[in-house]
Amino acid sequence: HLHAAFLEDPDLALPAVVLLVSGGHTLLIHMDAAG
């Protein structure tokens, strides 16, 4: 789910704060770079 962003926006500006929300997870993540 974190890497899905790069499929639609390869030039995504980093660092980014990612809100990952689903049926089993709710996470707030700081992404400096891929991985």
All heavy atoms as atom14 arrays in JSON, in Angstrom:
{
  "sequence": "HLHAAFLEDPDLALPAVVLLVSGGHTLLIHMDAAG",
  "atom14_mask": [
    [1, 1, 1, 1, 1, 1, 1, 1, 1, 1, 0, 0, 0, 0],
    [1, 1, 1, 1, 1, 1, 1, 1, 0, 0, 0, 0, 0, 0],
    [1, 1, 1, 1, 1, 1, 1, 1, 1, 1, 0, 0, 0, 0],
    [1, 1, 1, 1, 1, 0, 0, 0, 0, 0, 0, 0, 0, 0],
    [1, 1, 1, 1, 1, 0, 0, 0, 0, 0, 0, 0, 0, 0],
    [1, 1, 1, 1, 1, 1, 1, 1, 1, 1, 1, 0, 0, 0],
    [1, 1, 1, 1, 1, 1, 1, 1, 0, 0, 0, 0, 0, 0],
    [1, 1, 1, 1, 1, 1, 1, 1, 1, 0, 0, 0, 0, 0],
    [1, 1, 1, 1, 1, 1, 1, 1, 0, 0, 0, 0, 0, 0],
    [1, 1, 1, 1, 1, 1, 1, 0, 0, 0, 0, 0, 0, 0],
    [1, 1, 1, 1, 1, 1, 1, 1, 0, 0, 0, 0, 0, 0],
    [1, 1, 1, 1, 1, 1, 1, 1, 0, 0, 0, 0, 0, 0],
    [1, 1, 1, 1, 1, 0, 0, 0, 0, 0, 0, 0, 0, 0],
    [1, 1, 1, 1, 1, 1, 1, 1, 0, 0, 0, 0, 0, 0],
    [1, 1, 1, 1, 1, 1, 1, 0, 0, 0, 0, 0, 0, 0],
    [1, 1, 1, 1, 1, 0, 0, 0, 0, 0, 0, 0, 0, 0],
    [1, 1, 1, 1, 1, 1, 1, 0, 0, 0, 0, 0, 0, 0],
    [1, 1, 1, 1, 1, 1, 1, 0, 0, 0, 0, 0, 0, 0],
    [1, 1, 1, 1, 1, 1, 1, 1, 0, 0, 0, 0, 0, 0],
    [1, 1, 1, 1, 1, 1, 1, 1, 0, 0, 0, 0, 0, 0],
    [1, 1, 1, 1, 1, 1, 1, 0, 0, 0, 0, 0, 0, 0],
    [1, 1, 1, 1, 1, 1, 0, 0, 0, 0, 0, 0, 0, 0],
    [1, 1, 1, 1, 0, 0, 0, 0, 0, 0, 0, 0, 0, 0],
    [1, 1, 1, 1, 0, 0, 0, 0, 0, 0, 0, 0, 0, 0],
    [1, 1, 1, 1, 1, 1, 1, 1, 1, 1, 0, 0, 0, 0],
    [1, 1, 1, 1, 1, 1, 1, 0, 0, 0, 0, 0, 0, 0],
    [1, 1, 1, 1, 1, 1, 1, 1, 0, 0, 0, 0, 0, 0],
    [1, 1, 1, 1, 1, 1, 1, 1, 0, 0, 0, 0, 0, 0],
    [1, 1, 1, 1, 1, 1, 1, 1, 0, 0, 0, 0, 0, 0],
    [1, 1, 1, 1, 1, 1, 1, 1, 1, 1, 0, 0, 0, 0],
    [1, 1, 1, 1, 1, 1, 1, 1, 0, 0, 0, 0, 0, 0],
    [1, 1, 1, 1, 1, 1, 1, 1, 0, 0, 0, 0, 0, 0],
    [1, 1, 1, 1, 1, 0, 0, 0, 0, 0, 0, 0, 0, 0],
    [1, 1, 1, 1, 1, 0, 0, 0, 0, 0, 0, 0, 0, 0],
    [1, 1, 1, 1, 0, 0, 0, 0, 0, 0, 0, 0, 0, 0]
  ],
  "atom14_positions": [
    [[0.83, -1.2, 0.0], [0.0, 0.0, 0.0], [0.87, 1.26, 0.0], [0.51, 2.27, -0.61], [-0.93, 0.01, 1.22], [-2.17, -0.81, 1.05], [-3.11, -0.54, 0.07], [-2.64, -1.88, 1.73], [-4.1, -1.41, 0.15], [-3.84, -2.24, 1.14], [0.0, 0.0, 0.0], [0.0, 0.0, 0.0], [0.0, 0.0, 0.0], [0.0, 0.0, 0.0]],
    [[2.01, 1.21, 0.67], [2.9, 2.37, 0.69], [3.5, 2.65, -0.69], [3.65, 3.79, -1.1], [4.02, 2.16, 1.71], [3.62, 2.1, 3.18], [4.84, 1.84, 4.05], [2.93, 3.39, 3.61], [0.0, 0.0, 0.0], [0.0, 0.0, 0.0], [0.0, 0.0, 0.0], [0.0, 0.0, 0.0], [0.0, 0.0, 0.0], [0.0, 0.0, 0.0]],
    [[3.83, 1.58, -1.4], [4.46, 1.75, -2.71], [3.43, 2.01, -3.82], [3.82, 2.39, -4.93], [5.28, 0.51, -3.07], [6.62, 0.47, -2.38], [6.77, 0.04, -1.1], [7.86, 0.84, -2.81], [8.05, 0.13, -0.75], [8.73, 0.62, -1.77], [0.0, 0.0, 0.0], [0.0, 0.0, 0.0], [0.0, 0.0, 0.0], [0.0, 0.0, 0.0]],
    [[2.15, 1.8, -3.54], [1.13, 2.04, -4.55], [1.16, 3.48, -5.05], [0.84, 3.75, -6.22], [-0.26, 1.7, -3.99], [0.0, 0.0, 0.0], [0.0, 0.0, 0.0], [0.0, 0.0, 0.0], [0.0, 0.0, 0.0], [0.0, 0.0, 0.0], [0.0, 0.0, 0.0], [0.0, 0.0, 0.0], [0.0, 0.0, 0.0], [0.0, 0.0, 0.0]],
    [[1.55, 4.39, -4.17], [1.59, 5.8, -4.56], [2.5, 6.04, -5.76], [2.21, 6.86, -6.63], [2.06, 6.65, -3.37], [0.0, 0.0, 0.0], [0.0, 0.0, 0.0], [0.0, 0.0, 0.0], [0.0, 0.0, 0.0], [0.0, 0.0, 0.0], [0.0, 0.0, 0.0], [0.0, 0.0, 0.0], [0.0, 0.0, 0.0], [0.0, 0.0, 0.0]],
    [[3.62, 5.31, -5.81], [4.59, 5.54, -6.88], [4.11, 5.0, -8.23], [4.67, 5.36, -9.27], [5.93, 4.91, -6.52], [6.56, 5.52, -5.3], [6.51, 4.87, -4.08], [7.18, 6.76, -5.36], [7.08, 5.44, -2.94], [7.74, 7.34, -4.24], [7.69, 6.67, -3.02], [0.0, 0.0, 0.0], [0.0, 0.0, 0.0], [0.0, 0.0, 0.0]],
    [[3.11, 4.15, -8.23], [2.57, 3.65, -9.49], [1.81, 4.74, -10.24], [1.77, 4.76, -11.47], [1.63, 2.46, -9.24], [2.3, 1.13, -8.88], [1.25, 0.11, -8.47], [3.12, 0.61, -10.06], [0.0, 0.0, 0.0], [0.0, 0.0, 0.0], [0.0, 0.0, 0.0], [0.0, 0.0, 0.0], [0.0, 0.0, 0.0], [0.0, 0.0, 0.0]],
    [[1.18, 5.63, -9.49], [0.37, 6.68, -10.12], [1.03, 8.04, -10.07], [0.63, 8.95, -10.79], [-1.0, 6.74, -9.43], [-1.81, 5.46, -9.63], [-3.19, 5.53, -9.02], [-3.32, 6.06, -7.88], [-4.14, 5.07, -9.65], [0.0, 0.0, 0.0], [0.0, 0.0, 0.0], [0.0, 0.0, 0.0], [0.0, 0.0, 0.0], [0.0, 0.0, 0.0]],
    [[2.06, 8.19, -9.23], [2.79, 9.46, -9.15], [4.25, 9.17, -8.88], [4.72, 9.26, -7.74], [2.21, 10.34, -8.04], [2.79, 11.75, -8.06], [3.71, 11.99, -8.87], [2.31, 12.6, -7.29], [0.0, 0.0, 0.0], [0.0, 0.0, 0.0], [0.0, 0.0, 0.0], [0.0, 0.0, 0.0], [0.0, 0.0, 0.0], [0.0, 0.0, 0.0]],
    [[5.01, 8.79, -9.92], [6.43, 8.45, -9.75], [7.26, 9.58, -9.15], [8.32, 9.35, -8.57], [6.9, 8.12, -11.17], [5.65, 7.77, -11.91], [4.58, 8.65, -11.33], [0.0, 0.0, 0.0], [0.0, 0.0, 0.0], [0.0, 0.0, 0.0], [0.0, 0.0, 0.0], [0.0, 0.0, 0.0], [0.0, 0.0, 0.0], [0.0, 0.0, 0.0]],
    [[6.79, 10.81, -9.31], [7.52, 11.97, -8.81], [6.96, 12.49, -7.5], [7.09, 13.67, -7.16], [7.5, 13.09, -9.86], [8.15, 12.67, -11.17], [9.19, 11.99, -11.11], [7.61, 13.02, -12.23], [0.0, 0.0, 0.0], [0.0, 0.0, 0.0], [0.0, 0.0, 0.0], [0.0, 0.0, 0.0], [0.0, 0.0, 0.0], [0.0, 0.0, 0.0]],
    [[6.34, 11.6, -6.74], [5.76, 11.97, -5.46], [6.8, 12.67, -4.59], [7.9, 12.18, -4.39], [5.26, 10.71, -4.73], [4.66, 10.92, -3.34], [3.34, 11.66, -3.44], [4.46, 9.57, -2.65], [0.0, 0.0, 0.0], [0.0, 0.0, 0.0], [0.0, 0.0, 0.0], [0.0, 0.0, 0.0], [0.0, 0.0, 0.0], [0.0, 0.0, 0.0]],
    [[6.44, 13.86, -4.1], [7.37, 14.65, -3.29], [7.56, 14.03, -1.91], [6.6, 13.77, -1.2], [6.84, 16.08, -3.16], [0.0, 0.0, 0.0], [0.0, 0.0, 0.0], [0.0, 0.0, 0.0], [0.0, 0.0, 0.0], [0.0, 0.0, 0.0], [0.0, 0.0, 0.0], [0.0, 0.0, 0.0], [0.0, 0.0, 0.0], [0.0, 0.0, 0.0]],
    [[8.81, 13.79, -1.56], [9.16, 13.21, -0.26], [10.0, 14.22, 0.52], [10.66, 15.07, -0.07], [9.94, 11.91, -0.47], [9.18, 10.77, -1.16], [10.1, 9.58, -1.41], [7.97, 10.34, -0.34], [0.0, 0.0, 0.0], [0.0, 0.0, 0.0], [0.0, 0.0, 0.0], [0.0, 0.0, 0.0], [0.0, 0.0, 0.0], [0.0, 0.0, 0.0]],
    [[9.97, 14.14, 1.85], [9.28, 13.15, 2.68], [7.77, 13.36, 2.69], [7.28, 14.46, 2.44], [9.89, 13.38, 4.06], [10.28, 14.84, 4.05], [10.74, 15.11, 2.66], [0.0, 0.0, 0.0], [0.0, 0.0, 0.0], [0.0, 0.0, 0.0], [0.0, 0.0, 0.0], [0.0, 0.0, 0.0], [0.0, 0.0, 0.0], [0.0, 0.0, 0.0]],
    [[7.06, 12.27, 3.02], [5.61, 12.31, 3.04], [5.09, 11.64, 4.31], [5.72, 10.74, 4.85], [5.04, 11.6, 1.82], [0.0, 0.0, 0.0], [0.0, 0.0, 0.0], [0.0, 0.0, 0.0], [0.0, 0.0, 0.0], [0.0, 0.0, 0.0], [0.0, 0.0, 0.0], [0.0, 0.0, 0.0], [0.0, 0.0, 0.0], [0.0, 0.0, 0.0]],
    [[3.95, 12.1, 4.75], [3.23, 11.44, 5.83], [2.11, 10.64, 5.18], [1.32, 11.2, 4.4], [2.67, 12.44, 6.85], [1.66, 11.76, 7.78], [3.8, 13.04, 7.67], [0.0, 0.0, 0.0], [0.0, 0.0, 0.0], [0.0, 0.0, 0.0], [0.0, 0.0, 0.0], [0.0, 0.0, 0.0], [0.0, 0.0, 0.0], [0.0, 0.0, 0.0]],
    [[2.06, 9.35, 5.48], [1.09, 8.46, 4.85], [0.09, 7.97, 5.88], [0.48, 7.41, 6.91], [1.78, 7.25, 4.19], [0.76, 6.39, 3.47], [2.87, 7.71, 3.23], [0.0, 0.0, 0.0], [0.0, 0.0, 0.0], [0.0, 0.0, 0.0], [0.0, 0.0, 0.0], [0.0, 0.0, 0.0], [0.0, 0.0, 0.0], [0.0, 0.0, 0.0]],
    [[-1.18, 8.17, 5.61], [-2.26, 7.63, 6.43], [-2.74, 6.35, 5.76], [-3.33, 6.39, 4.69], [-3.4, 8.63, 6.54], [-4.66, 8.15, 7.28], [-4.36, 7.88, 8.76], [-5.8, 9.15, 7.13], [0.0, 0.0, 0.0], [0.0, 0.0, 0.0], [0.0, 0.0, 0.0], [0.0, 0.0, 0.0], [0.0, 0.0, 0.0], [0.0, 0.0, 0.0]],
    [[-2.42, 5.21, 6.38], [-2.8, 3.91, 5.82], [-4.0, 3.4, 6.6], [-3.88, 3.02, 7.77], [-1.62, 2.94, 5.92], [-1.82, 1.53, 5.37], [-2.3, 1.56, 3.93], [-0.51, 0.75, 5.46], [0.0, 0.0, 0.0], [0.0, 0.0, 0.0], [0.0, 0.0, 0.0], [0.0, 0.0, 0.0], [0.0, 0.0, 0.0], [0.0, 0.0, 0.0]],
    [[-5.17, 3.39, 5.96], [-6.41, 3.02, 6.64], [-7.14, 1.92, 5.87], [-7.44, 2.06, 4.69], [-7.35, 4.24, 6.8], [-6.97, 5.08, 8.0], [-7.33, 5.12, 5.55], [0.0, 0.0, 0.0], [0.0, 0.0, 0.0], [0.0, 0.0, 0.0], [0.0, 0.0, 0.0], [0.0, 0.0, 0.0], [0.0, 0.0, 0.0], [0.0, 0.0, 0.0]],
    [[-7.4, 0.83, 6.56], [-8.09, -0.29, 5.93], [-8.94, -1.02, 6.97], [-9.08, -0.56, 8.1], [-7.07, -1.26, 5.32], [-6.31, -1.88, 6.35], [0.0, 0.0, 0.0], [0.0, 0.0, 0.0], [0.0, 0.0, 0.0], [0.0, 0.0, 0.0], [0.0, 0.0, 0.0], [0.0, 0.0, 0.0], [0.0, 0.0, 0.0], [0.0, 0.0, 0.0]],
    [[-9.48, -2.17, 6.58], [-10.31, -2.93, 7.5], [-9.53, -3.5, 8.67], [-10.07, -3.68, 9.76], [0.0, 0.0, 0.0], [0.0, 0.0, 0.0], [0.0, 0.0, 0.0], [0.0, 0.0, 0.0], [0.0, 0.0, 0.0], [0.0, 0.0, 0.0], [0.0, 0.0, 0.0], [0.0, 0.0, 0.0], [0.0, 0.0, 0.0], [0.0, 0.0, 0.0]],
    [[-8.25, -3.79, 8.46], [-7.47, -4.4, 9.52], [-6.39, -3.51, 10.11], [-5.78, -3.86, 11.12], [0.0, 0.0, 0.0], [0.0, 0.0, 0.0], [0.0, 0.0, 0.0], [0.0, 0.0, 0.0], [0.0, 0.0, 0.0], [0.0, 0.0, 0.0], [0.0, 0.0, 0.0], [0.0, 0.0, 0.0], [0.0, 0.0, 0.0], [0.0, 0.0, 0.0]],
    [[-6.14, -2.36, 9.48], [-5.01, -1.54, 9.92], [-5.33, -0.05, 9.83], [-6.02, 0.39, 8.91], [-3.78, -1.82, 9.06], [-3.43, -3.28, 8.98], [-2.69, -3.92, 9.93], [-3.77, -4.22, 8.06], [-2.56, -5.2, 9.61], [-3.21, -5.41, 8.48], [0.0, 0.0, 0.0], [0.0, 0.0, 0.0], [0.0, 0.0, 0.0], [0.0, 0.0, 0.0]],
    [[-4.83, 0.7, 10.79], [-4.84, 2.16, 10.72], [-3.48, 2.61, 11.24], [-3.17, 2.48, 12.42], [-5.97, 2.77, 11.58], [-7.24, 2.33, 11.08], [-5.92, 4.29, 11.52], [0.0, 0.0, 0.0], [0.0, 0.0, 0.0], [0.0, 0.0, 0.0], [0.0, 0.0, 0.0], [0.0, 0.0, 0.0], [0.0, 0.0, 0.0], [0.0, 0.0, 0.0]],
    [[-2.66, 3.1, 10.32], [-1.28, 3.47, 10.62], [-0.98, 4.87, 10.1], [-1.48, 5.26, 9.04], [-0.29, 2.49, 9.98], [-0.44, 1.0, 10.27], [0.49, 0.2, 9.37], [-0.14, 0.7, 11.73], [0.0, 0.0, 0.0], [0.0, 0.0, 0.0], [0.0, 0.0, 0.0], [0.0, 0.0, 0.0], [0.0, 0.0, 0.0], [0.0, 0.0, 0.0]],
    [[-0.16, 5.59, 10.83], [0.34, 6.88, 10.37], [1.85, 6.72, 10.24], [2.54, 6.39, 11.22], [-0.01, 7.98, 11.37], [0.09, 9.43, 10.87], [-0.81, 9.63, 9.64], [-0.31, 10.4, 11.97], [0.0, 0.0, 0.0], [0.0, 0.0, 0.0], [0.0, 0.0, 0.0], [0.0, 0.0, 0.0], [0.0, 0.0, 0.0], [0.0, 0.0, 0.0]],
    [[2.37, 6.9, 9.02], [3.75, 6.57, 8.71], [4.47, 7.76, 8.07], [3.9, 8.47, 7.24], [3.79, 5.36, 7.75], [3.19, 4.13, 8.44], [5.21, 5.07, 7.27], [2.92, 2.98, 7.52], [0.0, 0.0, 0.0], [0.0, 0.0, 0.0], [0.0, 0.0, 0.0], [0.0, 0.0, 0.0], [0.0, 0.0, 0.0], [0.0, 0.0, 0.0]],
    [[5.71, 7.94, 8.46], [6.55, 8.96, 7.85], [7.47, 8.27, 6.85], [8.26, 7.4, 7.21], [7.4, 9.68, 8.92], [8.22, 10.8, 8.38], [9.58, 10.9, 8.58], [7.87, 11.89, 7.65], [10.03, 12.0, 8.01], [9.02, 12.62, 7.43], [0.0, 0.0, 0.0], [0.0, 0.0, 0.0], [0.0, 0.0, 0.0], [0.0, 0.0, 0.0]],
    [[7.36, 8.63, 5.57], [8.16, 8.01, 4.52], [9.2, 8.99, 4.01], [8.86, 10.03, 3.44], [7.26, 7.55, 3.36], [8.03, 6.9, 2.22], [7.0, 6.5, 0.78], [6.02, 5.15, 1.41], [0.0, 0.0, 0.0], [0.0, 0.0, 0.0], [0.0, 0.0, 0.0], [0.0, 0.0, 0.0], [0.0, 0.0, 0.0], [0.0, 0.0, 0.0]],
    [[10.48, 8.64, 4.21], [11.57, 9.49, 3.72], [11.9, 9.19, 2.26], [12.26, 10.06, 1.49], [12.83, 9.27, 4.56], [12.66, 9.79, 5.98], [12.14, 10.9, 6.13], [13.04, 9.08, 6.93], [0.0, 0.0, 0.0], [0.0, 0.0, 0.0], [0.0, 0.0, 0.0], [0.0, 0.0, 0.0], [0.0, 0.0, 0.0], [0.0, 0.0, 0.0]],
    [[11.8, 7.89, 1.91], [12.1, 7.43, 0.56], [11.46, 6.07, 0.4], [10.95, 5.48, 1.37], [13.6, 7.35, 0.33], [0.0, 0.0, 0.0], [0.0, 0.0, 0.0], [0.0, 0.0, 0.0], [0.0, 0.0, 0.0], [0.0, 0.0, 0.0], [0.0, 0.0, 0.0], [0.0, 0.0, 0.0], [0.0, 0.0, 0.0], [0.0, 0.0, 0.0]],
    [[11.46, 5.55, -0.81], [10.91, 4.22, -1.03], [11.67, 3.22, -0.17], [12.88, 3.11, -0.25], [11.04, 3.84, -2.51], [0.0, 0.0, 0.0], [0.0, 0.0, 0.0], [0.0, 0.0, 0.0], [0.0, 0.0, 0.0], [0.0, 0.0, 0.0], [0.0, 0.0, 0.0], [0.0, 0.0, 0.0], [0.0, 0.0, 0.0], [0.0, 0.0, 0.0]],
    [[10.95, 2.53, 0.69], [11.58, 1.54, 1.55], [12.15, 2.09, 2.83], [12.63, 1.34, 3.68], [0.0, 0.0, 0.0], [0.0, 0.0, 0.0], [0.0, 0.0, 0.0], [0.0, 0.0, 0.0], [0.0, 0.0, 0.0], [0.0, 0.0, 0.0], [0.0, 0.0, 0.0], [0.0, 0.0, 0.0], [0.0, 0.0, 0.0], [0.0, 0.0, 0.0]]
  ]
}
